[in-house]
PDB file of N, CA and C in Angstrom:
ATOM      1  N   MET A   1       0.820  -1.182   0.000  1.00  0.00           N
ATOM      2  CA  MET A   1       0.000   0.000   0.000  1.00  0.00           C
ATOM      3  C   MET A   1       0.873   1.258   0.000  1.00  0.00           C
ATOM      4  N   LYS A   2       1.736   1.360  -0.957  1.00  0.00           N
ATOM      5  CA  LYS A   2       2.609   2.508  -1.064  1.00  0.00           C
ATOM      6  C   LYS A   2       1.822   3.767  -1.435  1.00  0.00           C
ATOM      7  N   LEU A   3       0.738   3.617  -2.152  1.00  0.00           N
ATOM      8  CA  LEU A   3      -0.065   4.757  -2.561  1.00  0.00           C
ATOM      9  C   LEU A   3      -0.670   5.478  -1.350  1.00  0.00           C
ATOM     10  N   LEU A   4      -1.105   4.748  -0.342  1.00  0.00           N
ATOM     11  CA  LEU A   4      -1.680   5.356   0.852  1.00  0.00           C
ATOM     12  C   LEU A   4      -0.631   6.083   1.680  1.00  0.00           C
ATOM     13  N   ASP A   5       0.610   5.635   1.635  1.00  0.00           N
ATOM     14  CA  ASP A   5       1.665   6.284   2.404  1.00  0.00           C
ATOM     15  C   ASP A   5       1.986   7.671   1.862  1.00  0.00           C
ATOM     16  N   THR A   6       1.768   7.928   0.589  1.00  0.00           N
ATOM     17  CA  THR A   6       2.083   9.239   0.028  1.00  0.00           C
ATOM     18  C   THR A   6       1.117  10.311   0.520  1.00  0.00           C
ATOM     19  N   TYR A   7      -0.078   9.924   0.956  1.00  0.00           N
ATOM     20  CA  TYR A   7      -1.021  10.901   1.467  1.00  0.00           C
ATOM     21  C   TYR A   7      -0.595  11.468   2.823  1.00  0.00           C
ATOM     22  N   ASN A   8       0.240  10.775   3.531  1.00  0.00           N
ATOM     23  CA  ASN A   8       0.736  11.253   4.819  1.00  0.00           C
ATOM     24  C   ASN A   8       1.947  12.151   4.657  1.00  0.00           C
ATOM     25  N   ASP A   9       2.402  12.329   3.455  1.00  0.00           N
ATOM     26  CA  ASP A   9       3.570  13.150   3.192  1.00  0.00           C
ATOM     27  C   ASP A   9       3.203  14.629   3.364  1.00  0.00           C
ATOM     28  N   GLY A  10       4.067  15.385   3.984  1.00  0.00           N
ATOM     29  CA  GLY A  10       3.819  16.800   4.225  1.00  0.00           C
ATOM     30  C   GLY A  10       3.794  17.627   2.957  1.00  0.00           C
ATOM     31  N   GLN A  11       4.498  17.179   1.937  1.00  0.00           N
ATOM     32  CA  GLN A  11       4.529  17.921   0.682  1.00  0.00           C
ATOM     33  C   GLN A  11       3.169  17.922  -0.005  1.00  0.00           C
ATOM     34  N   VAL A  12       2.451  16.836   0.120  1.00  0.00           N
ATOM     35  CA  VAL A  12       1.124  16.757  -0.486  1.00  0.00           C
ATOM     36  C   VAL A  12       0.190  17.748   0.198  1.00  0.00           C
ATOM     37  N   TYR A  13       0.240  17.790   1.524  1.00  0.00           N
ATOM     38  CA  TYR A  13      -0.605  18.734   2.257  1.00  0.00           C
ATOM     39  C   TYR A  13      -0.210  20.182   1.941  1.00  0.00           C
ATOM     40  N   ALA A  14       1.081  20.438   1.916  1.00  0.00           N
ATOM     41  CA  ALA A  14       1.547  21.793   1.627  1.00  0.00           C
ATOM     42  C   ALA A  14       1.161  22.205   0.212  1.00  0.00           C
ATOM     43  N   GLY A  15       1.283  21.314  -0.739  1.00  0.00           N
ATOM     44  CA  GLY A  15       0.908  21.621  -2.120  1.00  0.00           C
ATOM     45  C   GLY A  15      -0.577  21.860  -2.275  1.00  0.00           C
ATOM     46  N   THR A  16      -1.378  21.041  -1.598  1.00  0.00           N
ATOM     47  CA  THR A  16      -2.831  21.199  -1.661  1.00  0.00           C
ATOM     48  C   THR A  16      -3.255  22.512  -1.015  1.00  0.00           C
ATOM     49  N   PHE A  17      -2.719  22.798   0.165  1.00  0.00           N
ATOM     50  CA  PHE A  17      -3.060  24.034   0.861  1.00  0.00           C
ATOM     51  C   PHE A  17      -2.583  25.253   0.074  1.00  0.00           C
ATOM     52  N   GLY A  18      -1.348  25.192  -0.423  1.00  0.00           N
ATOM     53  CA  GLY A  18      -0.806  26.320  -1.195  1.00  0.00           C
ATOM     54  C   GLY A  18      -1.587  26.580  -2.464  1.00  0.00           C
ATOM     55  N   GLY A  19      -1.942  25.535  -3.176  1.00  0.00           N
ATOM     56  CA  GLY A  19      -2.728  25.699  -4.400  1.00  0.00           C
ATOM     57  C   GLY A  19      -4.113  26.241  -4.124  1.00  0.00           C
ATOM     58  N   SER A  20      -4.746  25.740  -3.070  1.00  0.00           N
ATOM     59  CA  SER A  20      -6.078  26.248  -2.706  1.00  0.00           C
ATOM     60  C   SER A  20      -6.015  27.707  -2.278  1.00  0.00           C
ATOM     61  N   PHE A  21      -4.995  28.058  -1.500  1.00  0.00           N
ATOM     62  CA  PHE A  21      -4.851  29.433  -1.028  1.00  0.00           C
ATOM     63  C   PHE A  21      -4.597  30.385  -2.186  1.00  0.00           C
ATOM     64  N   LEU A  22      -3.719  30.005  -3.101  1.00  0.00           N
ATOM     65  CA  LEU A  22      -3.423  30.874  -4.239  1.00  0.00           C
ATOM     66  C   LEU A  22      -4.631  31.018  -5.167  1.00  0.00           C
ATOM     67  N   ALA A  23      -5.383  29.958  -5.358  1.00  0.00           N
ATOM     68  CA  ALA A  23      -6.585  30.045  -6.188  1.00  0.00           C
ATOM     69  C   ALA A  23      -7.621  30.961  -5.535  1.00  0.00           C
ATOM     70  N   MET A  24      -7.786  30.842  -4.228  1.00  0.00           N
ATOM     71  CA  MET A  24      -8.714  31.698  -3.512  1.00  0.00           C
ATOM     72  C   MET A  24      -8.250  33.151  -3.546  1.00  0.00           C
ATOM     73  N   PHE A  25      -6.965  33.360  -3.330  1.00  0.00           N
ATOM     74  CA  PHE A  25      -6.398  34.706  -3.313  1.00  0.00           C
ATOM     75  C   PHE A  25      -6.563  35.394  -4.663  1.00  0.00           C
ATOM     76  N   SER A  26      -6.287  34.669  -5.732  1.00  0.00           N
ATOM     77  CA  SER A  26      -6.371  35.285  -7.052  1.00  0.00           C
ATOM     78  C   SER A  26      -7.807  35.614  -7.440  1.00  0.00           C
ATOM     79  N   ASN A  27      -8.756  34.827  -7.014  1.00  0.00           N
ATOM     80  CA  ASN A  27     -10.153  35.076  -7.373  1.00  0.00           C
ATOM     81  C   ASN A  27     -10.795  36.146  -6.504  1.00  0.00           C
ATOM     82  N   MET A  28     -10.492  36.172  -5.231  1.00  0.00           N
ATOM     83  CA  MET A  28     -11.173  37.087  -4.330  1.00  0.00           C
ATOM     84  C   MET A  28     -10.555  38.484  -4.328  1.00  0.00           C
ATOM     85  N   PHE A  29      -9.248  38.583  -4.411  1.00  0.00           N
ATOM     86  CA  PHE A  29      -8.595  39.847  -4.142  1.00  0.00           C
ATOM     87  C   PHE A  29      -8.125  40.597  -5.379  1.00  0.00           C
ATOM     88  N   ILE A  30      -8.275  40.046  -6.571  1.00  0.00           N
ATOM     89  CA  ILE A  30      -7.763  40.718  -7.760  1.00  0.00           C
ATOM     90  C   ILE A  30      -8.547  41.999  -8.043  1.00  0.00           C
ATOM     91  N   GLN A  31      -9.850  41.989  -7.855  1.00  0.00           N
ATOM     92  CA  GLN A  31     -10.646  43.198  -8.083  1.00  0.00           C
ATOM     93  C   GLN A  31     -10.326  44.262  -7.037  1.00  0.00           C
ATOM     94  N   ASP A  32     -10.178  43.848  -5.790  1.00  0.00           N
ATOM     95  CA  ASP A  32      -9.830  44.803  -4.738  1.00  0.00           C
ATOM     96  C   ASP A  32      -8.436  45.374  -4.965  1.00  0.00           C
ATOM     97  N   LEU A  33      -7.524  44.554  -5.428  1.00  0.00           N
ATOM     98  CA  LEU A  33      -6.165  45.020  -5.691  1.00  0.00           C
ATOM     99  C   LEU A  33      -6.160  46.033  -6.830  1.00  0.00           C
ATOM    100  N   LEU A  34      -6.877  45.750  -7.893  1.00  0.00           N
ATOM    101  CA  LEU A  34      -6.944  46.693  -9.006  1.00  0.00           C
ATOM    102  C   LEU A  34      -7.623  47.991  -8.591  1.00  0.00           C
ATOM    103  N   ARG A  35      -8.687  47.903  -7.805  1.00  0.00           N
ATOM    104  CA  ARG A  35      -9.369  49.102  -7.323  1.00  0.00           C
ATOM    105  C   ARG A  35      -8.430  49.936  -6.447  1.00  0.00           C
ATOM    106  N   THR A  36      -7.647  49.284  -5.609  1.00  0.00           N
ATOM    107  CA  THR A  36      -6.699  49.990  -4.750  1.00  0.00           C
ATOM    108  C   THR A  36      -5.636  50.698  -5.570  1.00  0.00           C
ATOM    109  N   ILE A  37      -5.138  50.051  -6.604  1.00  0.00           N
ATOM    110  CA  ILE A  37      -4.121  50.657  -7.463  1.00  0.00           C
ATOM    111  C   ILE A  37      -4.684  51.882  -8.175  1.00  0.00           C
ATOM    112  N   VAL A  38      -5.890  51.748  -8.722  1.00  0.00           N
ATOM    113  CA  VAL A  38      -6.505  52.875  -9.442  1.00  0.00           C
ATOM    114  C   VAL A  38      -6.762  54.044  -8.491  1.00  0.00           C
ATOM    115  N   LEU A  39      -7.288  53.761  -7.304  1.00  0.00           N
ATOM    116  CA  LEU A  39      -7.553  54.828  -6.346  1.00  0.00           C
ATOM    117  C   LEU A  39      -6.267  55.484  -5.854  1.00  0.00           C
ATOM    118  N   ALA A  40      -5.200  54.720  -5.722  1.00  0.00           N
ATOM    119  CA  ALA A  40      -3.920  55.298  -5.321  1.00  0.00           C
ATOM    120  C   ALA A  40      -3.389  56.242  -6.396  1.00  0.00           C
ATOM    121  N   ILE A  41      -3.530  55.859  -7.649  1.00  0.00           N
ATOM    122  CA  ILE A  41      -3.081  56.721  -8.750  1.00  0.00           C
ATOM    123  C   ILE A  41      -3.915  57.997  -8.796  1.00  0.00           C
ATOM    124  N   VAL A  42      -5.229  57.860  -8.679  1.00  0.00           N
ATOM    125  CA  VAL A  42      -6.104  59.035  -8.691  1.00  0.00           C
ATOM    126  C   VAL A  42      -5.784  59.949  -7.509  1.00  0.00           C
ATOM    127  N   GLY A  43      -5.584  59.390  -6.348  1.00  0.00           N
ATOM    128  CA  GLY A  43      -5.248  60.178  -5.166  1.00  0.00           C
ATOM    129  C   GLY A  43      -3.934  60.918  -5.323  1.00  0.00           C
ATOM    130  N   ALA A  44      -2.938  60.264  -5.914  1.00  0.00           N
ATOM    131  CA  ALA A  44      -1.643  60.915  -6.124  1.00  0.00           C
ATOM    132  C   ALA A  44      -1.758  62.071  -7.111  1.00  0.00           C
ATOM    133  N   VAL A  45      -2.519  61.877  -8.177  1.00  0.00           N
ATOM    134  CA  VAL A  45      -2.694  62.940  -9.180  1.00  0.00           C
ATOM    135  C   VAL A  45      -3.437  64.124  -8.577  1.00  0.00           C
ATOM    136  N   VAL A  46      -4.509  63.869  -7.832  1.00  0.00           N
ATOM    137  CA  VAL A  46      -5.267  64.951  -7.208  1.00  0.00           C
ATOM    138  C   VAL A  46      -4.409  65.681  -6.175  1.00  0.00           C
ATOM    139  N   SER A  47      -3.663  64.949  -5.389  1.00  0.00           N
ATOM    140  CA  SER A  47      -2.795  65.567  -4.391  1.00  0.00           C
ATOM    141  C   SER A  47      -1.745  66.448  -5.052  1.00  0.00           C
ATOM    142  N   PHE A  48      -1.157  65.976  -6.121  1.00  0.00           N
ATOM    143  CA  PHE A  48      -0.164  66.771  -6.846  1.00  0.00           C
ATOM    144  C   PHE A  48      -0.797  68.034  -7.415  1.00  0.00           C
ATOM    145  N   GLY A  49      -1.977  67.901  -8.003  1.00  0.00           N
ATOM    146  CA  GLY A  49      -2.659  69.065  -8.574  1.00  0.00           C
ATOM    147  C   GLY A  49      -2.997  70.105  -7.523  1.00  0.00           C
ATOM    148  N   VAL A  50      -3.518  69.660  -6.393  1.00  0.00           N
ATOM    149  CA  VAL A  50      -3.852  70.595  -5.313  1.00  0.00           C
ATOM    150  C   VAL A  50      -2.589  71.260  -4.777  1.00  0.00           C
ATOM    151  N   SER A  51      -1.519  70.517  -4.653  1.00  0.00           N
ATOM    152  CA  SER A  51      -0.254  71.098  -4.185  1.00  0.00           C
ATOM    153  C   SER A  51       0.245  72.178  -5.137  1.00  0.00           C
ATOM    154  N   MET A  52       0.138  71.930  -6.429  1.00  0.00           N
ATOM    155  CA  MET A  52       0.597  72.923  -7.404  1.00  0.00           C
ATOM    156  C   MET A  52      -0.276  74.178  -7.363  1.00  0.00           C
ATOM    157  N   VAL A  53      -1.583  74.013  -7.236  1.00  0.00           N
ATOM    158  CA  VAL A  53      -2.484  75.164  -7.166  1.00  0.00           C
ATOM    159  C   VAL A  53      -2.211  75.973  -5.899  1.00  0.00           C
ATOM    160  N   LEU A  54      -2.067  75.299  -4.763  1.00  0.00           N
ATOM    161  CA  LEU A  54      -1.785  76.008  -3.518  1.00  0.00           C
ATOM    162  C   LEU A  54      -0.436  76.708  -3.559  1.00  0.00           C
ATOM    163  N   LYS A  55       0.538  76.091  -4.179  1.00  0.00           N
ATOM    164  CA  LYS A  55       1.856  76.713  -4.305  1.00  0.00           C
ATOM    165  C   LYS A  55       1.757  77.998  -5.127  1.00  0.00           C
ATOM    166  N   LYS A  56       0.969  77.954  -6.200  1.00  0.00           N
ATOM    167  CA  LYS A  56       0.797  79.135  -7.041  1.00  0.00           C
ATOM    168  C   LYS A  56       0.042  80.226  -6.298  1.00  0.00           C
ATOM    169  N   ILE A  57      -0.973  79.869  -5.537  1.00  0.00           N
ATOM    170  CA  ILE A  57      -1.758  80.851  -4.786  1.00  0.00           C
ATOM    171  C   ILE A  57      -0.892  81.497  -3.707  1.00  0.00           C
ATOM    172  N   ILE A  58      -0.119  80.707  -3.002  1.00  0.00           N
ATOM    173  CA  ILE A  58       0.709  81.244  -1.923  1.00  0.00           C
ATOM    174  C   ILE A  58       1.850  82.087  -2.470  1.00  0.00           C
ATOM    175  N   LYS A  59       2.389  81.711  -3.608  1.00  0.00           N
ATOM    176  CA  LYS A  59       3.508  82.454  -4.198  1.00  0.00           C
ATOM    177  C   LYS A  59       3.059  83.828  -4.693  1.00  0.00           C
ATOM    178  N   ASN A  60       1.896  83.935  -5.274  1.00  0.00           N
ATOM    179  CA  ASN A  60       1.370  85.186  -5.807  1.00  0.00           C
ATOM    180  C   ASN A  60       0.023  85.499  -5.168  1.00  0.00           C
ATOM    181  N   PRO A  61       0.006  85.918  -3.901  1.00  0.00           N
ATOM    182  CA  PRO A  61      -1.293  86.201  -3.270  1.00  0.00           C
ATOM    183  C   PRO A  61      -1.894  87.485  -3.819  1.00  0.00           C
ATOM    184  N   ARG A  62      -3.191  87.466  -3.990  1.00  0.00           N
ATOM    185  CA  ARG A  62      -3.915  88.644  -4.456  1.00  0.00           C
ATOM    186  C   ARG A  62      -4.478  89.372  -3.235  1.00  0.00           C
ATOM    187  N   PRO A  63      -4.391  90.685  -3.237  1.00  0.00           N
ATOM    188  CA  PRO A  63      -4.995  91.404  -2.109  1.00  0.00           C
ATOM    189  C   PRO A  63      -6.513  91.313  -2.174  1.00  0.00           C
ATOM    190  N   LEU A  64      -7.148  91.280  -1.029  1.00  0.00           N
ATOM    191  CA  LEU A  64      -8.601  91.209  -0.969  1.00  0.00           C
ATOM    192  C   LEU A  64      -9.183  92.553  -1.375  1.00  0.00           C
ATOM    193  N   LYS A  65     -10.340  92.528  -2.035  1.00  0.00           N
ATOM    194  CA  LYS A  65     -10.996  93.750  -2.467  1.00  0.00           C
ATOM    195  C   LYS A  65     -11.534  94.515  -1.251  1.00  0.00           C
ATOM    196  N   GLY A  66     -11.381  95.825  -1.283  1.00  0.00           N
ATOM    197  CA  GLY A  66     -11.896  96.651  -0.210  1.00  0.00           C
ATOM    198  C   GLY A  66     -10.984  96.707   0.992  1.00  0.00           C
ATOM    199  N   ARG A  67      -9.852  96.077   0.928  1.00  0.00           N
ATOM    200  CA  ARG A  67      -8.916  96.059   2.047  1.00  0.00           C
ATOM    201  C   ARG A  67      -7.662  96.797   1.647  1.00  0.00           C
ATOM    202  N   LYS A  68      -7.225  97.713   2.475  1.00  0.00           N
ATOM    203  CA  LYS A  68      -6.010  98.480   2.175  1.00  0.00           C
ATOM    204  C   LYS A  68      -4.841  97.856   2.906  1.00  0.00           C
ATOM    205  N   SER A  69      -3.739  97.728   2.171  1.00  0.00           N
ATOM    206  CA  SER A  69      -2.544  97.133   2.774  1.00  0.00           C
ATOM    207  C   SER A  69      -1.610  98.190   3.253  1.00  0.00           C
TER     208      SER A  69
END
C-alpha cells in the first residue's frame, strides 16, 4: 500500500493548501487590488494638482478687495 503512504507526506498537504490558497487569493482579491491601485493613482494625481495650485496661490497672493494694505 505505497499509494496510501504518500497521502501522509507533508509535501502533499503543503501543495494542496498552497494551491487552494493561491486560487482563492487570485479570485477574491484581484478586483480589490486593481481598485486599490486605481484609487492610489487618482489620489496621487489629485494631491499633486492641489499642491501645485496652492503653491501658485501662496507664491502670488492677491490682495482682498476693499482692504487696504
